[in-house]
């Protein structure tokens, strides 16, 4: 089971070892990884850090999403080419 609190979109690029990711549920949360698995791992810990920063700055924290969805897609600019 994948243990993350918010949905995640992972975008493949033309580079086979470069992926971008973001959470549509967690504004401002993005990152990059070398594989799909790397993105999920980094996102898990990055989301926790992002939430901690929101708390420290007294900013609103989005409700956790259930069920969490992970979508893997081609990066939008490449999908339309």
PDB file of N, CA and C in Angstrom:
ATOM      1  N   UNK A   1       0.836  -1.183   0.000  1.00  0.00           N
ATOM      2  CA  UNK A   1       0.000   0.000   0.000  1.00  0.00           C
ATOM      3  C   UNK A   1       0.880   1.244   0.000  1.00  0.00           C
ATOM      4  N   UNK A   2       0.440   2.240  -0.755  1.00  0.00           N
ATOM      5  CA  UNK A   2       1.168   3.504  -0.827  1.00  0.00           C
ATOM      6  C   UNK A   2       0.598   4.430   0.222  1.00  0.00           C
ATOM      7  N   UNK A   3       1.465   4.917   1.089  1.00  0.00           N
ATOM      8  CA  UNK A   3       1.049   5.686   2.256  1.00  0.00           C
ATOM      9  C   UNK A   3       1.299   7.181   2.053  1.00  0.00           C
ATOM     10  N   UNK A   4       0.393   7.849   1.293  1.00  0.00           N
ATOM     11  CA  UNK A   4       0.441   9.299   1.172  1.00  0.00           C
ATOM     12  C   UNK A   4      -0.950   9.837   1.479  1.00  0.00           C
ATOM     13  N   UNK A   5      -1.015  11.098   1.884  1.00  0.00           N
ATOM     14  CA  UNK A   5      -2.276  11.679   2.347  1.00  0.00           C
ATOM     15  C   UNK A   5      -3.036  12.461   1.281  1.00  0.00           C
ATOM     16  N   UNK A   6      -2.380  12.773   0.171  1.00  0.00           N
ATOM     17  CA  UNK A   6      -2.994  13.578  -0.883  1.00  0.00           C
ATOM     18  C   UNK A   6      -2.712  12.945  -2.239  1.00  0.00           C
ATOM     19  N   UNK A   7      -3.583  13.209  -3.192  1.00  0.00           N
ATOM     20  CA  UNK A   7      -3.397  12.671  -4.531  1.00  0.00           C
ATOM     21  C   UNK A   7      -2.124  13.230  -5.152  1.00  0.00           C
ATOM     22  N   UNK A   8      -1.614  12.485  -6.144  1.00  0.00           N
ATOM     23  CA  UNK A   8      -0.334  12.822  -6.751  1.00  0.00           C
ATOM     24  C   UNK A   8      -0.428  12.609  -8.254  1.00  0.00           C
ATOM     25  N   UNK A   9       0.090  13.576  -9.013  1.00  0.00           N
ATOM     26  CA  UNK A   9       0.213  13.445 -10.461  1.00  0.00           C
ATOM     27  C   UNK A   9       1.700  13.398 -10.772  1.00  0.00           C
ATOM     28  N   UNK A  10       2.109  12.352 -11.469  1.00  0.00           N
ATOM     29  CA  UNK A  10       3.504  12.188 -11.881  1.00  0.00           C
ATOM     30  C   UNK A  10       3.528  12.325 -13.397  1.00  0.00           C
ATOM     31  N   UNK A  11       4.396  13.205 -13.880  1.00  0.00           N
ATOM     32  CA  UNK A  11       4.466  13.454 -15.308  1.00  0.00           C
ATOM     33  C   UNK A  11       5.795  12.973 -15.874  1.00  0.00           C
ATOM     34  N   UNK A  12       5.692  12.084 -16.873  1.00  0.00           N
ATOM     35  CA  UNK A  12       6.871  11.612 -17.578  1.00  0.00           C
ATOM     36  C   UNK A  12       7.332  12.683 -18.565  1.00  0.00           C
ATOM     37  N   UNK A  13       8.612  12.758 -18.786  1.00  0.00           N
ATOM     38  CA  UNK A  13       9.172  13.700 -19.752  1.00  0.00           C
ATOM     39  C   UNK A  13       9.855  12.909 -20.861  1.00  0.00           C
ATOM     40  N   UNK A  14      10.456  13.608 -21.811  1.00  0.00           N
ATOM     41  CA  UNK A  14      11.178  12.913 -22.878  1.00  0.00           C
ATOM     42  C   UNK A  14      12.431  12.232 -22.351  1.00  0.00           C
ATOM     43  N   UNK A  15      12.909  12.661 -21.200  1.00  0.00           N
ATOM     44  CA  UNK A  15      14.064  12.025 -20.563  1.00  0.00           C
ATOM     45  C   UNK A  15      13.579  10.804 -19.785  1.00  0.00           C
ATOM     46  N   UNK A  16      14.148   9.633 -20.005  1.00  0.00           N
ATOM     47  CA  UNK A  16      13.642   8.422 -19.339  1.00  0.00           C
ATOM     48  C   UNK A  16      13.863   8.385 -17.824  1.00  0.00           C
ATOM     49  N   UNK A  17      14.750   9.223 -17.320  1.00  0.00           N
ATOM     50  CA  UNK A  17      15.022   9.216 -15.880  1.00  0.00           C
ATOM     51  C   UNK A  17      14.727  10.563 -15.227  1.00  0.00           C
ATOM     52  N   UNK A  18      13.725  11.273 -15.759  1.00  0.00           N
ATOM     53  CA  UNK A  18      13.337  12.565 -15.194  1.00  0.00           C
ATOM     54  C   UNK A  18      11.818  12.671 -15.200  1.00  0.00           C
ATOM     55  N   UNK A  19      11.252  12.767 -14.015  1.00  0.00           N
ATOM     56  CA  UNK A  19       9.811  12.869 -13.839  1.00  0.00           C
ATOM     57  C   UNK A  19       9.521  14.064 -12.946  1.00  0.00           C
ATOM     58  N   UNK A  20       8.455  14.766 -13.242  1.00  0.00           N
ATOM     59  CA  UNK A  20       7.982  15.830 -12.368  1.00  0.00           C
ATOM     60  C   UNK A  20       6.733  15.340 -11.650  1.00  0.00           C
ATOM     61  N   UNK A  21       6.458  15.907 -10.498  1.00  0.00           N
ATOM     62  CA  UNK A  21       5.228  15.537  -9.794  1.00  0.00           C
ATOM     63  C   UNK A  21       4.667  16.726  -9.040  1.00  0.00           C
ATOM     64  N   UNK A  22       3.367  16.645  -8.784  1.00  0.00           N
ATOM     65  CA  UNK A  22       2.683  17.668  -7.989  1.00  0.00           C
ATOM     66  C   UNK A  22       1.429  17.057  -7.403  1.00  0.00           C
ATOM     67  N   UNK A  23       0.878  17.730  -6.421  1.00  0.00           N
ATOM     68  CA  UNK A  23      -0.379  17.292  -5.834  1.00  0.00           C
ATOM     69  C   UNK A  23      -1.460  18.313  -6.165  1.00  0.00           C
ATOM     70  N   UNK A  24      -2.524  17.883  -6.852  1.00  0.00           N
ATOM     71  CA  UNK A  24      -3.617  18.816  -7.127  1.00  0.00           C
ATOM     72  C   UNK A  24      -4.388  19.203  -5.863  1.00  0.00           C
ATOM     73  N   UNK A  25      -4.174  18.465  -4.778  1.00  0.00           N
ATOM     74  CA  UNK A  25      -4.870  18.713  -3.515  1.00  0.00           C
ATOM     75  C   UNK A  25      -4.077  19.589  -2.552  1.00  0.00           C
ATOM     76  N   UNK A  26      -2.796  19.781  -2.835  1.00  0.00           N
ATOM     77  CA  UNK A  26      -1.890  20.461  -1.903  1.00  0.00           C
ATOM     78  C   UNK A  26      -1.176  21.579  -2.659  1.00  0.00           C
ATOM     79  N   UNK A  27      -1.773  22.747  -2.650  1.00  0.00           N
ATOM     80  CA  UNK A  27      -1.275  23.873  -3.435  1.00  0.00           C
ATOM     81  C   UNK A  27       0.199  24.170  -3.147  1.00  0.00           C
ATOM     82  N   UNK A  28       0.959  24.347  -4.211  1.00  0.00           N
ATOM     83  CA  UNK A  28       2.363  24.702  -4.084  1.00  0.00           C
ATOM     84  C   UNK A  28       3.306  23.535  -3.902  1.00  0.00           C
ATOM     85  N   UNK A  29       2.790  22.321  -3.892  1.00  0.00           N
ATOM     86  CA  UNK A  29       3.633  21.150  -3.665  1.00  0.00           C
ATOM     87  C   UNK A  29       4.039  20.535  -4.997  1.00  0.00           C
ATOM     88  N   UNK A  30       5.338  20.558  -5.288  1.00  0.00           N
ATOM     89  CA  UNK A  30       5.879  19.979  -6.514  1.00  0.00           C
ATOM     90  C   UNK A  30       7.235  19.369  -6.233  1.00  0.00           C
ATOM     91  N   UNK A  31       7.714  18.587  -7.177  1.00  0.00           N
ATOM     92  CA  UNK A  31       9.044  18.016  -7.050  1.00  0.00           C
ATOM     93  C   UNK A  31       9.438  17.263  -8.302  1.00  0.00           C
ATOM     94  N   UNK A  32      10.633  16.702  -8.279  1.00  0.00           N
ATOM     95  CA  UNK A  32      11.144  15.893  -9.386  1.00  0.00           C
ATOM     96  C   UNK A  32      11.756  14.625  -8.836  1.00  0.00           C
ATOM     97  N   UNK A  33      11.799  13.602  -9.686  1.00  0.00           N
ATOM     98  CA  UNK A  33      12.403  12.335  -9.303  1.00  0.00           C
ATOM     99  C   UNK A  33      12.972  11.630 -10.512  1.00  0.00           C
ATOM    100  N   UNK A  34      13.716  10.556 -10.250  1.00  0.00           N
ATOM    101  CA  UNK A  34      14.371   9.796 -11.310  1.00  0.00           C
ATOM    102  C   UNK A  34      13.544   8.617 -11.810  1.00  0.00           C
ATOM    103  N   UNK A  35      12.470   8.306 -11.122  1.00  0.00           N
ATOM    104  CA  UNK A  35      11.591   7.198 -11.507  1.00  0.00           C
ATOM    105  C   UNK A  35      10.230   7.439 -10.854  1.00  0.00           C
ATOM    106  N   UNK A  36       9.259   6.647 -11.241  1.00  0.00           N
ATOM    107  CA  UNK A  36       7.937   6.759 -10.622  1.00  0.00           C
ATOM    108  C   UNK A  36       8.044   6.446  -9.131  1.00  0.00           C
ATOM    109  N   UNK A  37       8.782   5.389  -8.808  1.00  0.00           N
ATOM    110  CA  UNK A  37       8.946   5.002  -7.404  1.00  0.00           C
ATOM    111  C   UNK A  37       9.648   6.093  -6.604  1.00  0.00           C
ATOM    112  N   UNK A  38      10.657   6.718  -7.212  1.00  0.00           N
ATOM    113  CA  UNK A  38      11.389   7.800  -6.550  1.00  0.00           C
ATOM    114  C   UNK A  38      10.457   8.982  -6.280  1.00  0.00           C
ATOM    115  N   UNK A  39       9.596   9.300  -7.243  1.00  0.00           N
ATOM    116  CA  UNK A  39       8.638  10.398  -7.055  1.00  0.00           C
ATOM    117  C   UNK A  39       7.694  10.111  -5.893  1.00  0.00           C
ATOM    118  N   UNK A  40       7.184   8.887  -5.823  1.00  0.00           N
ATOM    119  CA  UNK A  40       6.260   8.534  -4.741  1.00  0.00           C
ATOM    120  C   UNK A  40       6.972   8.621  -3.394  1.00  0.00           C
ATOM    121  N   UNK A  41       8.190   8.113  -3.323  1.00  0.00           N
ATOM    122  CA  UNK A  41       8.959   8.161  -2.073  1.00  0.00           C
ATOM    123  C   UNK A  41       9.208   9.614  -1.648  1.00  0.00           C
ATOM    124  N   UNK A  42       9.688  10.424  -2.590  1.00  0.00           N
ATOM    125  CA  UNK A  42       9.964  11.829  -2.267  1.00  0.00           C
ATOM    126  C   UNK A  42       8.684  12.583  -1.910  1.00  0.00           C
ATOM    127  N   UNK A  43       7.593  12.265  -2.610  1.00  0.00           N
ATOM    128  CA  UNK A  43       6.330  12.943  -2.336  1.00  0.00           C
ATOM    129  C   UNK A  43       5.826  12.624  -0.934  1.00  0.00           C
ATOM    130  N   UNK A  44       5.970  11.378  -0.513  1.00  0.00           N
ATOM    131  CA  UNK A  44       5.510  10.983   0.824  1.00  0.00           C
ATOM    132  C   UNK A  44       6.139  11.870   1.895  1.00  0.00           C
ATOM    133  N   UNK A  45       7.440  11.997   1.844  1.00  0.00           N
ATOM    134  CA  UNK A  45       8.137  12.790   2.865  1.00  0.00           C
ATOM    135  C   UNK A  45       8.002  14.279   2.611  1.00  0.00           C
ATOM    136  N   UNK A  46       7.966  14.665   1.343  1.00  0.00           N
ATOM    137  CA  UNK A  46       7.803  16.076   1.005  1.00  0.00           C
ATOM    138  C   UNK A  46       6.453  16.628   1.431  1.00  0.00           C
ATOM    139  N   UNK A  47       5.414  15.808   1.333  1.00  0.00           N
ATOM    140  CA  UNK A  47       4.085  16.249   1.762  1.00  0.00           C
ATOM    141  C   UNK A  47       4.071  16.510   3.262  1.00  0.00           C
ATOM    142  N   UNK A  48       4.723  15.649   4.016  1.00  0.00           N
ATOM    143  CA  UNK A  48       4.799  15.849   5.467  1.00  0.00           C
ATOM    144  C   UNK A  48       5.514  17.162   5.792  1.00  0.00           C
ATOM    145  N   UNK A  49       6.626  17.433   5.099  1.00  0.00           N
ATOM    146  CA  UNK A  49       7.361  18.678   5.323  1.00  0.00           C
ATOM    147  C   UNK A  49       6.528  19.893   4.899  1.00  0.00           C
ATOM    148  N   UNK A  50       5.803  19.761   3.793  1.00  0.00           N
ATOM    149  CA  UNK A  50       4.969  20.853   3.303  1.00  0.00           C
ATOM    150  C   UNK A  50       3.883  21.194   4.323  1.00  0.00           C
ATOM    151  N   UNK A  51       3.253  20.182   4.878  1.00  0.00           N
ATOM    152  CA  UNK A  51       2.210  20.386   5.894  1.00  0.00           C
ATOM    153  C   UNK A  51       2.812  21.047   7.136  1.00  0.00           C
ATOM    154  N   UNK A  52       4.000  20.603   7.549  1.00  0.00           N
ATOM    155  CA  UNK A  52       4.671  21.220   8.698  1.00  0.00           C
ATOM    156  C   UNK A  52       4.919  22.705   8.459  1.00  0.00           C
ATOM    157  N   UNK A  53       5.340  23.058   7.241  1.00  0.00           N
ATOM    158  CA  UNK A  53       5.569  24.473   6.926  1.00  0.00           C
ATOM    159  C   UNK A  53       4.265  25.266   6.951  1.00  0.00           C
ATOM    160  N   UNK A  54       3.190  24.672   6.440  1.00  0.00           N
ATOM    161  CA  UNK A  54       1.898  25.358   6.503  1.00  0.00           C
ATOM    162  C   UNK A  54       1.502  25.618   7.956  1.00  0.00           C
ATOM    163  N   UNK A  55       1.696  24.608   8.806  1.00  0.00           N
ATOM    164  CA  UNK A  55       1.361  24.764  10.232  1.00  0.00           C
ATOM    165  C   UNK A  55       2.200  25.859  10.872  1.00  0.00           C
ATOM    166  N   UNK A  56       3.505  25.860  10.599  1.00  0.00           N
ATOM    167  CA  UNK A  56       4.405  26.852  11.190  1.00  0.00           C
ATOM    168  C   UNK A  56       4.024  28.273  10.793  1.00  0.00           C
ATOM    169  N   UNK A  57       3.469  28.416   9.601  1.00  0.00           N
ATOM    170  CA  UNK A  57       3.102  29.742   9.108  1.00  0.00           C
ATOM    171  C   UNK A  57       1.617  30.051   9.277  1.00  0.00           C
ATOM    172  N   UNK A  58       0.942  29.234  10.089  1.00  0.00           N
ATOM    173  CA  UNK A  58      -0.485  29.423  10.366  1.00  0.00           C
ATOM    174  C   UNK A  58      -1.326  29.542   9.091  1.00  0.00           C
ATOM    175  N   UNK A  59      -0.995  28.722   8.095  1.00  0.00           N
ATOM    176  CA  UNK A  59      -1.746  28.698   6.848  1.00  0.00           C
ATOM    177  C   UNK A  59      -2.719  27.528   6.869  1.00  0.00           C
ATOM    178  N   UNK A  60      -3.797  27.624   6.091  1.00  0.00           N
ATOM    179  CA  UNK A  60      -4.776  26.531   6.093  1.00  0.00           C
ATOM    180  C   UNK A  60      -4.184  25.231   5.554  1.00  0.00           C
ATOM    181  N   UNK A  61      -4.600  24.130   6.154  1.00  0.00           N
ATOM    182  CA  UNK A  61      -4.133  22.805   5.753  1.00  0.00           C
ATOM    183  C   UNK A  61      -5.315  22.085   5.097  1.00  0.00           C
ATOM    184  N   UNK A  62      -5.144  21.657   3.843  1.00  0.00           N
ATOM    185  CA  UNK A  62      -6.246  20.965   3.169  1.00  0.00           C
ATOM    186  C   UNK A  62      -6.588  19.654   3.872  1.00  0.00           C
ATOM    187  N   UNK A  63      -7.860  19.279   3.793  1.00  0.00           N
ATOM    188  CA  UNK A  63      -8.270  17.994   4.349  1.00  0.00           C
ATOM    189  C   UNK A  63      -7.597  16.861   3.593  1.00  0.00           C
ATOM    190  N   UNK A  64      -7.306  15.780   4.295  1.00  0.00           N
ATOM    191  CA  UNK A  64      -6.748  14.603   3.647  1.00  0.00           C
ATOM    192  C   UNK A  64      -7.789  14.028   2.702  1.00  0.00           C
ATOM    193  N   UNK A  65      -7.322  13.462   1.621  1.00  0.00           N
ATOM    194  CA  UNK A  65      -8.190  12.931   0.580  1.00  0.00           C
ATOM    195  C   UNK A  65      -8.269  11.409   0.706  1.00  0.00           C
ATOM    196  N   UNK A  66      -9.466  10.882   0.540  1.00  0.00           N
ATOM    197  CA  UNK A  66      -9.624   9.433   0.558  1.00  0.00           C
ATOM    198  C   UNK A  66     -10.672   9.049  -0.478  1.00  0.00           C
ATOM    199  N   UNK A  67     -10.399   8.173  -1.376  1.00  0.00           N
ATOM    200  CA  UNK A  67      -9.126   7.497  -1.569  1.00  0.00           C
ATOM    201  C   UNK A  67      -8.142   8.394  -2.319  1.00  0.00           C
ATOM    202  N   UNK A  68      -6.874   8.211  -2.018  1.00  0.00           N
ATOM    203  CA  UNK A  68      -5.804   8.937  -2.690  1.00  0.00           C
ATOM    204  C   UNK A  68      -5.615   8.329  -4.070  1.00  0.00           C
ATOM    205  N   UNK A  69      -5.419   9.181  -5.061  1.00  0.00           N
ATOM    206  CA  UNK A  69      -5.169   8.710  -6.423  1.00  0.00           C
ATOM    207  C   UNK A  69      -3.782   9.129  -6.861  1.00  0.00           C
ATOM    208  N   UNK A  70      -3.107   8.218  -7.538  1.00  0.00           N
ATOM    209  CA  UNK A  70      -1.824   8.529  -8.158  1.00  0.00           C
ATOM    210  C   UNK A  70      -2.006   8.341  -9.653  1.00  0.00           C
ATOM    211  N   UNK A  71      -1.754   9.401 -10.403  1.00  0.00           N
ATOM    212  CA  UNK A  71      -1.910   9.383 -11.853  1.00  0.00           C
ATOM    213  C   UNK A  71      -0.529   9.565 -12.470  1.00  0.00           C
ATOM    214  N   UNK A  72      -0.198   8.700 -13.410  1.00  0.00           N
ATOM    215  CA  UNK A  72       1.053   8.838 -14.158  1.00  0.00           C
ATOM    216  C   UNK A  72       0.664   9.192 -15.582  1.00  0.00           C
ATOM    217  N   UNK A  73       1.202  10.289 -16.077  1.00  0.00           N
ATOM    218  CA  UNK A  73       0.839  10.748 -17.417  1.00  0.00           C
ATOM    219  C   UNK A  73       2.043  11.373 -18.093  1.00  0.00           C
ATOM    220  N   UNK A  74       1.939  11.573 -19.405  1.00  0.00           N
ATOM    221  CA  UNK A  74       2.956  12.319 -20.105  1.00  0.00           C
ATOM    222  C   UNK A  74       2.821  13.772 -19.725  1.00  0.00           C
ATOM    223  N   UNK A  75       3.935  14.454 -19.677  1.00  0.00           N
ATOM    224  CA  UNK A  75       3.899  15.874 -19.370  1.00  0.00           C
ATOM    225  C   UNK A  75       3.026  16.564 -20.412  1.00  0.00           C
ATOM    226  N   UNK A  76       2.177  17.468 -20.015  1.00  0.00           N
ATOM    227  CA  UNK A  76       1.158  18.065 -20.879  1.00  0.00           C
ATOM    228  C   UNK A  76       1.765  18.600 -22.175  1.00  0.00           C
ATOM    229  N   UNK A  77       2.870  19.291 -22.111  1.00  0.00           N
ATOM    230  CA  UNK A  77       3.433  19.878 -23.333  1.00  0.00           C
ATOM    231  C   UNK A  77       3.877  18.800 -24.314  1.00  0.00           C
ATOM    232  N   UNK A  78       4.224  17.599 -23.838  1.00  0.00           N
ATOM    233  CA  UNK A  78       4.617  16.509 -24.735  1.00  0.00           C
ATOM    234  C   UNK A  78       3.398  15.733 -25.224  1.00  0.00           C
ATOM    235  N   UNK A  79       2.354  15.681 -24.428  1.00  0.00           N
ATOM    236  CA  UNK A  79       1.160  14.943 -24.813  1.00  0.00           C
ATOM    237  C   UNK A  79       0.447  15.600 -25.984  1.00  0.00           C
ATOM    238  N   UNK A  80       0.577  16.911 -26.105  1.00  0.00           N
ATOM    239  CA  UNK A  80      -0.111  17.637 -27.171  1.00  0.00           C
ATOM    240  C   UNK A  80       0.742  17.800 -28.430  1.00  0.00           C
ATOM    241  N   UNK A  81       1.954  17.283 -28.411  1.00  0.00           N
ATOM    242  CA  UNK A  81       2.858  17.437 -29.562  1.00  0.00           C
ATOM    243  C   UNK A  81       2.518  16.471 -30.676  1.00  0.00           C
TER     244      UNK A  81
END
